[in-house]
C-alpha atoms as a PDB file:
ATOM      1  CA  MET A   1     106.401  94.303  89.910  1.00  0.00           C
ATOM      2  CA  LYS A   2     103.219  95.797  90.001  1.00  0.00           C
ATOM      3  CA  HIS A   3     100.862  96.084  86.822  1.00  0.00           C
ATOM      4  CA  ILE A   4     100.111  99.502  85.525  1.00  0.00           C
ATOM      5  CA  THR A   5      96.449  99.633  85.512  1.00  0.00           C
ATOM      6  CA  GLU A   6      94.187 102.792  84.785  1.00  0.00           C
ATOM      7  CA  ALA A   7      93.217 103.190  88.183  1.00  0.00           C
ATOM      8  CA  ARG A   8      96.711 103.462  89.125  1.00  0.00           C
ATOM      9  CA  VAL A   9      97.412 106.226  86.578  1.00  0.00           C
ATOM     10  CA  GLU A  10      94.667 108.128  87.750  1.00  0.00           C
ATOM     11  CA  ASP A  11      95.525 107.886  91.284  1.00  0.00           C
ATOM     12  CA  ALA A  12      99.070 109.113  90.648  1.00  0.00           C
ATOM     13  CA  VAL A  13      97.887 112.050  88.389  1.00  0.00           C
ATOM     14  CA  LEU A  14      95.053 113.295  90.725  1.00  0.00           C
ATOM     15  CA  ASP A  15      97.773 113.171  93.939  1.00  0.00           C
ATOM     16  CA  TRP A  16     100.036 115.225  91.790  1.00  0.00           C
ATOM     17  CA  LEU A  17      97.265 117.628  90.541  1.00  0.00           C
ATOM     18  CA  GLY A  18      96.695 118.044  94.689  1.00  0.00           C
ATOM     19  CA  GLN A  19      99.860 118.941  95.035  1.00  0.00           C
ATOM     20  CA  LEU A  20      99.838 121.569  92.377  1.00  0.00           C
ATOM     21  CA  GLY A  21      96.799 122.774  94.316  1.00  0.00           C
ATOM     22  CA  HIS A  22      94.487 121.437  92.153  1.00  0.00           C
ATOM     23  CA  GLU A  23      90.772 120.517  93.477  1.00  0.00           C
ATOM     24  CA  MET A  24      89.197 117.350  92.357  1.00  0.00           C
ATOM     25  CA  VAL A  25      85.168 117.758  91.929  1.00  0.00           C
ATOM     26  CA  CYS A  26      83.041 114.951  91.105  1.00  0.00           C
ATOM     27  CA  TRP A  27      80.642 115.314  88.281  1.00  0.00           C
ATOM     28  CA  PRO A  28      77.333 115.021  90.247  1.00  0.00           C
ATOM     29  CA  ASP A  29      78.323 118.087  91.782  1.00  0.00           C
ATOM     30  CA  LEU A  30      78.237 120.336  88.281  1.00  0.00           C
ATOM     31  CA  VAL A  31      75.366 119.474  87.095  1.00  0.00           C
ATOM     32  CA  PRO A  32      72.477 121.595  86.991  1.00  0.00           C
ATOM     33  CA  ASP A  33      71.449 121.854  90.829  1.00  0.00           C
ATOM     34  CA  GLY A  34      74.803 120.524  92.166  1.00  0.00           C
ATOM     35  CA  ALA A  35      76.708 121.494  95.081  1.00  0.00           C
ATOM     36  CA  ALA A  36      79.046 123.243  92.542  1.00  0.00           C
ATOM     37  CA  GLN A  37      76.762 123.716  89.542  1.00  0.00           C
ATOM     38  CA  GLU A  38      78.974 124.634  86.517  1.00  0.00           C
ATOM     39  CA  ARG A  39      76.196 123.792  83.887  1.00  0.00           C
ATOM     40  CA  ASP A  40      73.161 125.461  82.785  1.00  0.00           C
ATOM     41  CA  SER A  41      71.478 122.251  81.793  1.00  0.00           C
ATOM     42  CA  PHE A  42      72.768 118.919  81.249  1.00  0.00           C
ATOM     43  CA  GLU A  43      72.992 119.733  77.252  1.00  0.00           C
ATOM     44  CA  GLN A  44      75.718 122.049  77.911  1.00  0.00           C
ATOM     45  CA  VAL A  45      79.365 120.453  77.191  1.00  0.00           C
ATOM     46  CA  ASP A  46      81.750 122.778  77.976  1.00  0.00           C
ATOM     47  CA  LEU A  47      82.725 124.592  81.761  1.00  0.00           C
ATOM     48  CA  THR A  48      83.980 127.494  80.613  1.00  0.00           C
ATOM     49  CA  GLY A  49      84.470 128.443  84.092  1.00  0.00           C
ATOM     50  CA  ARG A  50      86.787 127.023  85.132  1.00  0.00           C
ATOM     51  CA  PRO A  51      89.924 127.679  82.371  1.00  0.00           C
ATOM     52  CA  ARG A  52      88.452 131.141  82.224  1.00  0.00           C
ATOM     53  CA  ASP A  53      89.092 131.482  85.977  1.00  0.00           C
ATOM     54  CA  ALA A  54      92.474 129.600  85.244  1.00  0.00           C
ATOM     55  CA  ALA A  55      93.304 131.947  82.468  1.00  0.00           C
ATOM     56  CA  HIS A  56      92.453 135.129  85.073  1.00  0.00           C
ATOM     57  CA  ARG A  57      94.653 133.672  87.923  1.00  0.00           C
ATOM     58  CA  LEU A  58      97.718 133.341  85.412  1.00  0.00           C
ATOM     59  CA  SER A  59      97.295 136.375  83.957  1.00  0.00           C
ATOM     60  CA  ASN A  60      97.712 138.110  87.687  1.00  0.00           C
ATOM     61  CA  ILE A  61     100.865 135.971  88.128  1.00  0.00           C
ATOM     62  CA  GLU A  62     102.538 137.042  84.856  1.00  0.00           C
ATOM     63  CA  ARG A  63     102.034 140.711  86.157  1.00  0.00           C
ATOM     64  CA  GLY A  64     102.642 140.004  89.783  1.00  0.00           C
END
């Protein structure tokens, strides 16, 4: 029997989310001047753009 490890759980969750259409972005890309910048500074801890975009998509689905 294989042991359950954090890495196995993480891989399973990332696979499942990928099947649902989510995209993984590595944190270095989200920092200021990163490839997919979502922070104005390193002091900014919240990434408001993603939840806002997701809520917008969900509201459009409900109206659809």
